[in-house]
Amino acid sequence: LPGHPNLSLGPLWPTGPDRCAGYLDYWFGESADERWIEELFVLDNQIGAEDTALVEAAQRGSAGGGIEHGWVLGGPENLIAHFQDYVRAQLGETA
């Protein structure tokens, strides 16, 4: 996230076909004061709420049967896959 040195981790894992679990963990560098951290949490919570609404809407759409093979993003998913293949190739790994 922008600003002082910081790191946030938010892994998610499926717990069923229509739900997941997860958690958020944060690390802040010594230069991050309490007020800045509080303001960052406000921003992060806003973004998280927006992301949750988008993901839940996409899941409802997927569950409606309109997506035949699981491709929600189409072209952008291919770009992500291409980037992942590129990174693997640069690291000398095989797919």
PDB file of N, CA and C in Angstrom:
ATOM      1  N   LEU A   1       0.837  -1.171   0.000  1.00  0.00           N
ATOM      2  CA  LEU A   1       0.000   0.000   0.000  1.00  0.00           C
ATOM      3  C   LEU A   1       0.882   1.235   0.000  1.00  0.00           C
ATOM      4  N   PRO A   2       0.358   2.389  -0.411  1.00  0.00           N
ATOM      5  CA  PRO A   2       1.180   3.597  -0.508  1.00  0.00           C
ATOM      6  C   PRO A   2       1.629   4.106   0.858  1.00  0.00           C
ATOM      7  N   GLY A   3       2.650   4.942   0.837  1.00  0.00           N
ATOM      8  CA  GLY A   3       3.068   5.617   2.065  1.00  0.00           C
ATOM      9  C   GLY A   3       4.287   4.991   2.702  1.00  0.00           C
ATOM     10  N   HIS A   4       4.286   4.965   4.008  1.00  0.00           N
ATOM     11  CA  HIS A   4       5.398   4.413   4.784  1.00  0.00           C
ATOM     12  C   HIS A   4       5.575   2.931   4.473  1.00  0.00           C
ATOM     13  N   PRO A   5       6.762   2.383   4.776  1.00  0.00           N
ATOM     14  CA  PRO A   5       6.958   0.940   4.546  1.00  0.00           C
ATOM     15  C   PRO A   5       5.873   0.132   5.254  1.00  0.00           C
ATOM     16  N   ASN A   6       5.237  -0.753   4.495  1.00  0.00           N
ATOM     17  CA  ASN A   6       4.175  -1.577   5.054  1.00  0.00           C
ATOM     18  C   ASN A   6       3.954  -2.777   4.159  1.00  0.00           C
ATOM     19  N   LEU A   7       3.314  -3.772   4.715  1.00  0.00           N
ATOM     20  CA  LEU A   7       2.994  -4.984   3.978  1.00  0.00           C
ATOM     21  C   LEU A   7       1.678  -5.516   4.518  1.00  0.00           C
ATOM     22  N   SER A   8       0.789  -5.905   3.623  1.00  0.00           N
ATOM     23  CA  SER A   8      -0.443  -6.554   4.061  1.00  0.00           C
ATOM     24  C   SER A   8      -0.584  -7.861   3.310  1.00  0.00           C
ATOM     25  N   LEU A   9      -0.997  -8.886   4.032  1.00  0.00           N
ATOM     26  CA  LEU A   9      -1.229 -10.208   3.463  1.00  0.00           C
ATOM     27  C   LEU A   9      -2.667 -10.586   3.733  1.00  0.00           C
ATOM     28  N   GLY A  10      -3.334 -11.090   2.716  1.00  0.00           N
ATOM     29  CA  GLY A  10      -4.734 -11.471   2.868  1.00  0.00           C
ATOM     30  C   GLY A  10      -5.054 -12.743   2.114  1.00  0.00           C
ATOM     31  N   PRO A  11      -4.487 -13.874   2.540  1.00  0.00           N
ATOM     32  CA  PRO A  11      -4.770 -15.117   1.816  1.00  0.00           C
ATOM     33  C   PRO A  11      -6.223 -15.555   1.985  1.00  0.00           C
ATOM     34  N   LEU A  12      -6.751 -16.161   0.947  1.00  0.00           N
ATOM     35  CA  LEU A  12      -8.098 -16.731   0.952  1.00  0.00           C
ATOM     36  C   LEU A  12      -7.987 -18.180   0.516  1.00  0.00           C
ATOM     37  N   TRP A  13      -8.868 -19.012   1.011  1.00  0.00           N
ATOM     38  CA  TRP A  13      -8.896 -20.408   0.578  1.00  0.00           C
ATOM     39  C   TRP A  13     -10.347 -20.878   0.546  1.00  0.00           C
ATOM     40  N   PRO A  14     -10.663 -21.743  -0.431  1.00  0.00           N
ATOM     41  CA  PRO A  14     -12.049 -22.217  -0.540  1.00  0.00           C
ATOM     42  C   PRO A  14     -12.404 -23.135   0.624  1.00  0.00           C
ATOM     43  N   THR A  15     -13.616 -22.984   1.125  1.00  0.00           N
ATOM     44  CA  THR A  15     -14.137 -23.880   2.165  1.00  0.00           C
ATOM     45  C   THR A  15     -15.355 -24.635   1.661  1.00  0.00           C
ATOM     46  N   GLY A  16     -15.734 -24.366   0.435  1.00  0.00           N
ATOM     47  CA  GLY A  16     -16.866 -25.026  -0.204  1.00  0.00           C
ATOM     48  C   GLY A  16     -17.039 -24.447  -1.587  1.00  0.00           C
ATOM     49  N   PRO A  17     -17.976 -24.956  -2.347  1.00  0.00           N
ATOM     50  CA  PRO A  17     -18.149 -24.468  -3.721  1.00  0.00           C
ATOM     51  C   PRO A  17     -18.644 -23.033  -3.811  1.00  0.00           C
ATOM     52  N   ASP A  18     -19.174 -22.496  -2.738  1.00  0.00           N
ATOM     53  CA  ASP A  18     -19.724 -21.141  -2.802  1.00  0.00           C
ATOM     54  C   ASP A  18     -19.249 -20.239  -1.670  1.00  0.00           C
ATOM     55  N   ARG A  19     -18.134 -20.596  -1.042  1.00  0.00           N
ATOM     56  CA  ARG A  19     -17.638 -19.754   0.048  1.00  0.00           C
ATOM     57  C   ARG A  19     -16.140 -19.959   0.249  1.00  0.00           C
ATOM     58  N   CYS A  20     -15.547 -19.024   0.987  1.00  0.00           N
ATOM     59  CA  CYS A  20     -14.131 -19.112   1.299  1.00  0.00           C
ATOM     60  C   CYS A  20     -13.881 -18.516   2.679  1.00  0.00           C
ATOM     61  N   ALA A  21     -12.693 -18.741   3.164  1.00  0.00           N
ATOM     62  CA  ALA A  21     -12.264 -18.172   4.438  1.00  0.00           C
ATOM     63  C   ALA A  21     -10.958 -17.417   4.180  1.00  0.00           C
ATOM     64  N   GLY A  22     -10.577 -16.587   5.117  1.00  0.00           N
ATOM     65  CA  GLY A  22      -9.338 -15.855   4.963  1.00  0.00           C
ATOM     66  C   GLY A  22      -9.050 -15.004   6.173  1.00  0.00           C
ATOM     67  N   TYR A  23      -7.942 -14.309   6.106  1.00  0.00           N
ATOM     68  CA  TYR A  23      -7.592 -13.379   7.170  1.00  0.00           C
ATOM     69  C   TYR A  23      -6.703 -12.289   6.590  1.00  0.00           C
ATOM     70  N   LEU A  24      -6.557 -11.211   7.303  1.00  0.00           N
ATOM     71  CA  LEU A  24      -5.653 -10.130   6.928  1.00  0.00           C
ATOM     72  C   LEU A  24      -4.603  -9.959   8.018  1.00  0.00           C
ATOM     73  N   ASP A  25      -3.375  -9.747   7.592  1.00  0.00           N
ATOM     74  CA  ASP A  25      -2.289  -9.494   8.531  1.00  0.00           C
ATOM     75  C   ASP A  25      -1.491  -8.311   7.988  1.00  0.00           C
ATOM     76  N   TYR A  26      -1.023  -7.459   8.854  1.00  0.00           N
ATOM     77  CA  TYR A  26      -0.338  -6.245   8.452  1.00  0.00           C
ATOM     78  C   TYR A  26       0.999  -6.129   9.160  1.00  0.00           C
ATOM     79  N   TRP A  27       1.954  -5.511   8.486  1.00  0.00           N
ATOM     80  CA  TRP A  27       3.229  -5.145   9.069  1.00  0.00           C
ATOM     81  C   TRP A  27       3.495  -3.690   8.679  1.00  0.00           C
ATOM     82  N   PHE A  28       3.981  -2.902   9.621  1.00  0.00           N
ATOM     83  CA  PHE A  28       4.303  -1.505   9.377  1.00  0.00           C
ATOM     84  C   PHE A  28       5.719  -1.215   9.832  1.00  0.00           C
ATOM     85  N   GLY A  29       6.455  -0.453   9.023  1.00  0.00           N
ATOM     86  CA  GLY A  29       7.806  -0.035   9.377  1.00  0.00           C
ATOM     87  C   GLY A  29       7.786   0.968  10.514  1.00  0.00           C
ATOM     88  N   GLU A  30       8.949   1.212  11.060  1.00  0.00           N
ATOM     89  CA  GLU A  30       9.070   2.104  12.229  1.00  0.00           C
ATOM     90  C   GLU A  30       8.621   3.528  11.936  1.00  0.00           C
ATOM     91  N   SER A  31       8.675   3.966  10.666  1.00  0.00           N
ATOM     92  CA  SER A  31       8.308   5.357  10.353  1.00  0.00           C
ATOM     93  C   SER A  31       6.799   5.576  10.303  1.00  0.00           C
ATOM     94  N   ALA A  32       6.011   4.508  10.355  1.00  0.00           N
ATOM     95  CA  ALA A  32       4.549   4.639  10.282  1.00  0.00           C
ATOM     96  C   ALA A  32       3.987   4.967  11.660  1.00  0.00           C
ATOM     97  N   ASP A  33       3.434   6.189  11.794  1.00  0.00           N
ATOM     98  CA  ASP A  33       2.859   6.559  13.089  1.00  0.00           C
ATOM     99  C   ASP A  33       1.404   6.080  13.175  1.00  0.00           C
ATOM    100  N   GLU A  34       0.856   6.126  14.384  1.00  0.00           N
ATOM    101  CA  GLU A  34      -0.497   5.583  14.632  1.00  0.00           C
ATOM    102  C   GLU A  34      -1.568   6.261  13.772  1.00  0.00           C
ATOM    103  N   ARG A  35      -1.495   7.564  13.614  1.00  0.00           N
ATOM    104  CA  ARG A  35      -2.507   8.264  12.811  1.00  0.00           C
ATOM    105  C   ARG A  35      -2.470   7.798  11.360  1.00  0.00           C
ATOM    106  N   TRP A  36      -1.266   7.677  10.801  1.00  0.00           N
ATOM    107  CA  TRP A  36      -1.135   7.216   9.427  1.00  0.00           C
ATOM    108  C   TRP A  36      -1.691   5.793   9.283  1.00  0.00           C
ATOM    109  N   ILE A  37      -1.402   4.940  10.242  1.00  0.00           N
ATOM    110  CA  ILE A  37      -1.902   3.561  10.211  1.00  0.00           C
ATOM    111  C   ILE A  37      -3.435   3.556  10.244  1.00  0.00           C
ATOM    112  N   GLU A  38      -4.032   4.375  11.109  1.00  0.00           N
ATOM    113  CA  GLU A  38      -5.496   4.455  11.187  1.00  0.00           C
ATOM    114  C   GLU A  38      -6.087   4.908   9.860  1.00  0.00           C
ATOM    115  N   GLU A  39      -5.478   5.910   9.226  1.00  0.00           N
ATOM    116  CA  GLU A  39      -5.969   6.393   7.933  1.00  0.00           C
ATOM    117  C   GLU A  39      -5.831   5.315   6.857  1.00  0.00           C
ATOM    118  N   LEU A  40      -4.749   4.566   6.920  1.00  0.00           N
ATOM    119  CA  LEU A  40      -4.553   3.481   5.954  1.00  0.00           C
ATOM    120  C   LEU A  40      -5.607   2.392   6.140  1.00  0.00           C
ATOM    121  N   PHE A  41      -5.950   2.084   7.386  1.00  0.00           N
ATOM    122  CA  PHE A  41      -6.997   1.092   7.648  1.00  0.00           C
ATOM    123  C   PHE A  41      -8.342   1.554   7.095  1.00  0.00           C
ATOM    124  N   VAL A  42      -8.646   2.845   7.205  1.00  0.00           N
ATOM    125  CA  VAL A  42      -9.892   3.369   6.638  1.00  0.00           C
ATOM    126  C   VAL A  42      -9.907   3.129   5.125  1.00  0.00           C
ATOM    127  N   LEU A  43      -8.813   3.470   4.449  1.00  0.00           N
ATOM    128  CA  LEU A  43      -8.709   3.250   3.006  1.00  0.00           C
ATOM    129  C   LEU A  43      -8.804   1.758   2.673  1.00  0.00           C
ATOM    130  N   ASP A  44      -8.071   0.940   3.399  1.00  0.00           N
ATOM    131  CA  ASP A  44      -8.059  -0.500   3.137  1.00  0.00           C
ATOM    132  C   ASP A  44      -9.437  -1.113   3.359  1.00  0.00           C
ATOM    133  N   ASN A  45     -10.142  -0.679   4.390  1.00  0.00           N
ATOM    134  CA  ASN A  45     -11.494  -1.187   4.636  1.00  0.00           C
ATOM    135  C   ASN A  45     -12.453  -0.782   3.525  1.00  0.00           C
ATOM    136  N   GLN A  46     -12.317   0.441   3.027  1.00  0.00           N
ATOM    137  CA  GLN A  46     -13.172   0.896   1.920  1.00  0.00           C
ATOM    138  C   GLN A  46     -12.910   0.051   0.673  1.00  0.00           C
ATOM    139  N   ILE A  47     -11.647  -0.121   0.341  1.00  0.00           N
ATOM    140  CA  ILE A  47     -11.299  -0.926  -0.833  1.00  0.00           C
ATOM    141  C   ILE A  47     -11.765  -2.366  -0.641  1.00  0.00           C
ATOM    142  N   GLY A  48     -11.585  -2.903   0.566  1.00  0.00           N
ATOM    143  CA  GLY A  48     -12.022  -4.269   0.848  1.00  0.00           C
ATOM    144  C   GLY A  48     -13.523  -4.442   0.680  1.00  0.00           C
ATOM    145  N   ALA A  49     -14.299  -3.468   1.133  1.00  0.00           N
ATOM    146  CA  ALA A  49     -15.756  -3.543   0.982  1.00  0.00           C
ATOM    147  C   ALA A  49     -16.149  -3.491  -0.492  1.00  0.00           C
ATOM    148  N   GLU A  50     -15.478  -2.627  -1.262  1.00  0.00           N
ATOM    149  CA  GLU A  50     -15.758  -2.550  -2.695  1.00  0.00           C
ATOM    150  C   GLU A  50     -15.397  -3.860  -3.392  1.00  0.00           C
ATOM    151  N   ASP A  51     -14.229  -4.417  -3.064  1.00  0.00           N
ATOM    152  CA  ASP A  51     -13.807  -5.684  -3.666  1.00  0.00           C
ATOM    153  C   ASP A  51     -14.770  -6.813  -3.309  1.00  0.00           C
ATOM    154  N   THR A  52     -15.203  -6.848  -2.045  1.00  0.00           N
ATOM    155  CA  THR A  52     -16.140  -7.891  -1.615  1.00  0.00           C
ATOM    156  C   THR A  52     -17.434  -7.818  -2.423  1.00  0.00           C
ATOM    157  N   ALA A  53     -17.964  -6.621  -2.604  1.00  0.00           N
ATOM    158  CA  ALA A  53     -19.199  -6.458  -3.378  1.00  0.00           C
ATOM    159  C   ALA A  53     -19.008  -6.936  -4.814  1.00  0.00           C
ATOM    160  N   LEU A  54     -17.868  -6.607  -5.425  1.00  0.00           N
ATOM    161  CA  LEU A  54     -17.609  -7.036  -6.798  1.00  0.00           C
ATOM    162  C   LEU A  54     -17.475  -8.550  -6.902  1.00  0.00           C
ATOM    163  N   VAL A  55     -16.732  -9.152  -5.975  1.00  0.00           N
ATOM    164  CA  VAL A  55     -16.537 -10.602  -6.012  1.00  0.00           C
ATOM    165  C   VAL A  55     -17.852 -11.329  -5.765  1.00  0.00           C
ATOM    166  N   GLU A  56     -18.647 -10.849  -4.804  1.00  0.00           N
ATOM    167  CA  GLU A  56     -19.934 -11.491  -4.538  1.00  0.00           C
ATOM    168  C   GLU A  56     -20.854 -11.390  -5.756  1.00  0.00           C
ATOM    169  N   ALA A  57     -20.835 -10.258  -6.450  1.00  0.00           N
ATOM    170  CA  ALA A  57     -21.653 -10.106  -7.659  1.00  0.00           C
ATOM    171  C   ALA A  57     -21.172 -11.054  -8.754  1.00  0.00           C
ATOM    172  N   ALA A  58     -19.856 -11.187  -8.910  1.00  0.00           N
ATOM    173  CA  ALA A  58     -19.315 -12.114  -9.909  1.00  0.00           C
ATOM    174  C   ALA A  58     -19.687 -13.551  -9.564  1.00  0.00           C
ATOM    175  N   GLN A  59     -19.650 -13.895  -8.278  1.00  0.00           N
ATOM    176  CA  GLN A  59     -20.019 -15.252  -7.866  1.00  0.00           C
ATOM    177  C   GLN A  59     -21.493 -15.524  -8.152  1.00  0.00           C
ATOM    178  N   ARG A  60     -22.356 -14.542  -7.880  1.00  0.00           N
ATOM    179  CA  ARG A  60     -23.780 -14.719  -8.195  1.00  0.00           C
ATOM    180  C   ARG A  60     -23.970 -14.925  -9.687  1.00  0.00           C
ATOM    181  N   GLY A  61     -23.255 -14.153 -10.492  1.00  0.00           N
ATOM    182  CA  GLY A  61     -23.345 -14.301 -11.941  1.00  0.00           C
ATOM    183  C   GLY A  61     -22.841 -15.657 -12.396  1.00  0.00           C
ATOM    184  N   SER A  62     -21.738 -16.120 -11.814  1.00  0.00           N
ATOM    185  CA  SER A  62     -21.193 -17.433 -12.171  1.00  0.00           C
ATOM    186  C   SER A  62     -22.161 -18.541 -11.799  1.00  0.00           C
ATOM    187  N   ALA A  63     -22.804 -18.404 -10.658  1.00  0.00           N
ATOM    188  CA  ALA A  63     -23.739 -19.433 -10.192  1.00  0.00           C
ATOM    189  C   ALA A  63     -25.013 -19.460 -11.035  1.00  0.00           C
ATOM    190  N   GLY A  64     -25.265 -18.395 -11.814  1.00  0.00           N
ATOM    191  CA  GLY A  64     -26.467 -18.331 -12.635  1.00  0.00           C
ATOM    192  C   GLY A  64     -26.410 -19.168 -13.892  1.00  0.00           C
ATOM    193  N   GLY A  65     -25.272 -19.816 -14.161  1.00  0.00           N
ATOM    194  CA  GLY A  65     -25.159 -20.698 -15.317  1.00  0.00           C
ATOM    195  C   GLY A  65     -24.775 -19.994 -16.603  1.00  0.00           C
ATOM    196  N   GLY A  66     -24.491 -18.706 -16.564  1.00  0.00           N
ATOM    197  CA  GLY A  66     -24.144 -17.973 -17.775  1.00  0.00           C
ATOM    198  C   GLY A  66     -22.710 -18.164 -18.219  1.00  0.00           C
ATOM    199  N   ILE A  67     -21.878 -18.715 -17.359  1.00  0.00           N
ATOM    200  CA  ILE A  67     -20.471 -18.926 -17.699  1.00  0.00           C
ATOM    201  C   ILE A  67     -20.259 -20.415 -17.853  1.00  0.00           C
ATOM    202  N   GLU A  68     -19.956 -20.819 -19.091  1.00  0.00           N
ATOM    203  CA  GLU A  68     -19.901 -22.244 -19.409  1.00  0.00           C
ATOM    204  C   GLU A  68     -18.651 -22.942 -18.879  1.00  0.00           C
ATOM    205  N   HIS A  69     -17.483 -22.286 -18.980  1.00  0.00           N
ATOM    206  CA  HIS A  69     -16.235 -22.961 -18.645  1.00  0.00           C
ATOM    207  C   HIS A  69     -15.429 -22.268 -17.550  1.00  0.00           C
ATOM    208  N   GLY A  70     -16.049 -21.431 -16.769  1.00  0.00           N
ATOM    209  CA  GLY A  70     -15.347 -20.800 -15.663  1.00  0.00           C
ATOM    210  C   GLY A  70     -14.548 -19.568 -16.022  1.00  0.00           C
ATOM    211  N   TRP A  71     -14.632 -19.063 -17.238  1.00  0.00           N
ATOM    212  CA  TRP A  71     -13.894 -17.869 -17.642  1.00  0.00           C
ATOM    213  C   TRP A  71     -14.682 -16.629 -17.281  1.00  0.00           C
ATOM    214  N   VAL A  72     -14.301 -15.980 -16.203  1.00  0.00           N
ATOM    215  CA  VAL A  72     -14.997 -14.765 -15.781  1.00  0.00           C
ATOM    216  C   VAL A  72     -14.415 -13.546 -16.494  1.00  0.00           C
ATOM    217  N   LEU A  73     -13.089 -13.467 -16.565  1.00  0.00           N
ATOM    218  CA  LEU A  73     -12.440 -12.291 -17.138  1.00  0.00           C
ATOM    219  C   LEU A  73     -12.053 -12.460 -18.600  1.00  0.00           C
ATOM    220  N   GLY A  74     -11.992 -13.674 -19.099  1.00  0.00           N
ATOM    221  CA  GLY A  74     -11.634 -13.896 -20.494  1.00  0.00           C
ATOM    222  C   GLY A  74     -10.239 -13.415 -20.806  1.00  0.00           C
ATOM    223  N   GLY A  75     -10.128 -12.384 -21.649  1.00  0.00           N
ATOM    224  CA  GLY A  75      -8.830 -11.865 -22.081  1.00  0.00           C
ATOM    225  C   GLY A  75      -7.882 -11.532 -20.951  1.00  0.00           C
ATOM    226  N   PRO A  76      -8.319 -10.774 -19.934  1.00  0.00           N
ATOM    227  CA  PRO A  76      -7.398 -10.458 -18.838  1.00  0.00           C
ATOM    228  C   PRO A  76      -6.845 -11.705 -18.134  1.00  0.00           C
ATOM    229  N   GLU A  77      -7.637 -12.785 -18.049  1.00  0.00           N
ATOM    230  CA  GLU A  77      -7.107 -14.002 -17.436  1.00  0.00           C
ATOM    231  C   GLU A  77      -5.969 -14.564 -18.278  1.00  0.00           C
ATOM    232  N   ASN A  78      -6.081 -14.452 -19.600  1.00  0.00           N
ATOM    233  CA  ASN A  78      -4.995 -14.910 -20.468  1.00  0.00           C
ATOM    234  C   ASN A  78      -3.745 -14.080 -20.241  1.00  0.00           C
ATOM    235  N   LEU A  79      -3.906 -12.772 -20.013  1.00  0.00           N
ATOM    236  CA  LEU A  79      -2.758 -11.918 -19.736  1.00  0.00           C
ATOM    237  C   LEU A  79      -2.082 -12.313 -18.425  1.00  0.00           C
ATOM    238  N   ILE A  80      -2.881 -12.636 -17.414  1.00  0.00           N
ATOM    239  CA  ILE A  80      -2.324 -13.077 -16.132  1.00  0.00           C
ATOM    240  C   ILE A  80      -1.558 -14.380 -16.325  1.00  0.00           C
ATOM    241  N   ALA A  81      -2.144 -15.324 -17.069  1.00  0.00           N
ATOM    242  CA  ALA A  81      -1.474 -16.605 -17.319  1.00  0.00           C
ATOM    243  C   ALA A  81      -0.166 -16.386 -18.082  1.00  0.00           C
ATOM    244  N   HIS A  82      -0.182 -15.482 -19.069  1.00  0.00           N
ATOM    245  CA  HIS A  82       1.028 -15.186 -19.823  1.00  0.00           C
ATOM    246  C   HIS A  82       2.114 -14.627 -18.901  1.00  0.00           C
ATOM    247  N   PHE A  83       1.732 -13.718 -18.007  1.00  0.00           N
ATOM    248  CA  PHE A  83       2.697 -13.149 -17.065  1.00  0.00           C
ATOM    249  C   PHE A  83       3.271 -14.232 -16.153  1.00  0.00           C
ATOM    250  N   GLN A  84       2.418 -15.116 -15.652  1.00  0.00           N
ATOM    251  CA  GLN A  84       2.899 -16.196 -14.792  1.00  0.00           C
ATOM    252  C   GLN A  84       3.865 -17.112 -15.554  1.00  0.00           C
ATOM    253  N   ASP A  85       3.543 -17.424 -16.823  1.00  0.00           N
ATOM    254  CA  ASP A  85       4.452 -18.239 -17.647  1.00  0.00           C
ATOM    255  C   ASP A  85       5.781 -17.524 -17.851  1.00  0.00           C
ATOM    256  N   TYR A  86       5.735 -16.198 -18.068  1.00  0.00           N
ATOM    257  CA  TYR A  86       6.947 -15.413 -18.249  1.00  0.00           C
ATOM    258  C   TYR A  86       7.831 -15.481 -17.001  1.00  0.00           C
ATOM    259  N   VAL A  87       7.222 -15.300 -15.839  1.00  0.00           N
ATOM    260  CA  VAL A  87       7.989 -15.345 -14.588  1.00  0.00           C
ATOM    261  C   VAL A  87       8.621 -16.727 -14.416  1.00  0.00           C
ATOM    262  N   ARG A  88       7.844 -17.785 -14.664  1.00  0.00           N
ATOM    263  CA  ARG A  88       8.400 -19.141 -14.549  1.00  0.00           C
ATOM    264  C   ARG A  88       9.589 -19.330 -15.485  1.00  0.00           C
ATOM    265  N   ALA A  89       9.454 -18.845 -16.729  1.00  0.00           N
ATOM    266  CA  ALA A  89      10.538 -18.986 -17.704  1.00  0.00           C
ATOM    267  C   ALA A  89      11.791 -18.232 -17.235  1.00  0.00           C
ATOM    268  N   GLN A  90      11.606 -17.032 -16.685  1.00  0.00           N
ATOM    269  CA  GLN A  90      12.734 -16.254 -16.205  1.00  0.00           C
ATOM    270  C   GLN A  90      13.427 -16.914 -15.015  1.00  0.00           C
ATOM    271  N   LEU A  91      12.656 -17.641 -14.237  1.00  0.00           N
ATOM    272  CA  LEU A  91      13.206 -18.337 -13.063  1.00  0.00           C
ATOM    273  C   LEU A  91      13.758 -19.712 -13.427  1.00  0.00           C
ATOM    274  N   GLY A  92      13.586 -20.097 -14.699  1.00  0.00           N
ATOM    275  CA  GLY A  92      14.082 -21.384 -15.137  1.00  0.00           C
ATOM    276  C   GLY A  92      13.218 -22.550 -14.731  1.00  0.00           C
ATOM    277  N   GLU A  93      11.961 -22.285 -14.425  1.00  0.00           N
ATOM    278  CA  GLU A  93      11.032 -23.333 -14.028  1.00  0.00           C
ATOM    279  C   GLU A  93      10.163 -23.732 -15.210  1.00  0.00           C
ATOM    280  N   THR A  94       9.573 -24.911 -15.131  1.00  0.00           N
ATOM    281  CA  THR A  94       8.652 -25.351 -16.180  1.00  0.00           C
ATOM    282  C   THR A  94       7.233 -25.292 -15.662  1.00  0.00           C
ATOM    283  N   ALA A  95       6.307 -25.129 -16.589  1.00  0.00           N
ATOM    284  CA  ALA A  95       4.893 -25.019 -16.206  1.00  0.00           C
ATOM    285  C   ALA A  95       4.339 -26.335 -15.736  1.00  0.00           C
TER     286      ALA A  95
END
